[in-house]
């Protein structure tokens, strides 16, 4: 049974949860960005690789990150390898 509010309108739980969830998600997204990175337009990404530095795929992601880092002034990719 829906709960009545002061204005005699029924409160719908699903609508309330959708609104509260969207507000919480928006607040969490905005608060997780560092302020200097937003204002300067600079972004830093982290790439995690399951392959070692010596393998073909490990070298490929290192090469890709270096290409992006050299081509862009506003994007920096840091690669972390899972296996040494």
Foldseek 3Di string as FASTA:
>chain_A
DFDADPVRDGDDPVVVVVVVVVVVVVVVVVVVDDVVLVVVVADEEEAEAADDCPDPVNVVVVVVQVVCVVVDPRYHYHYDYNHD
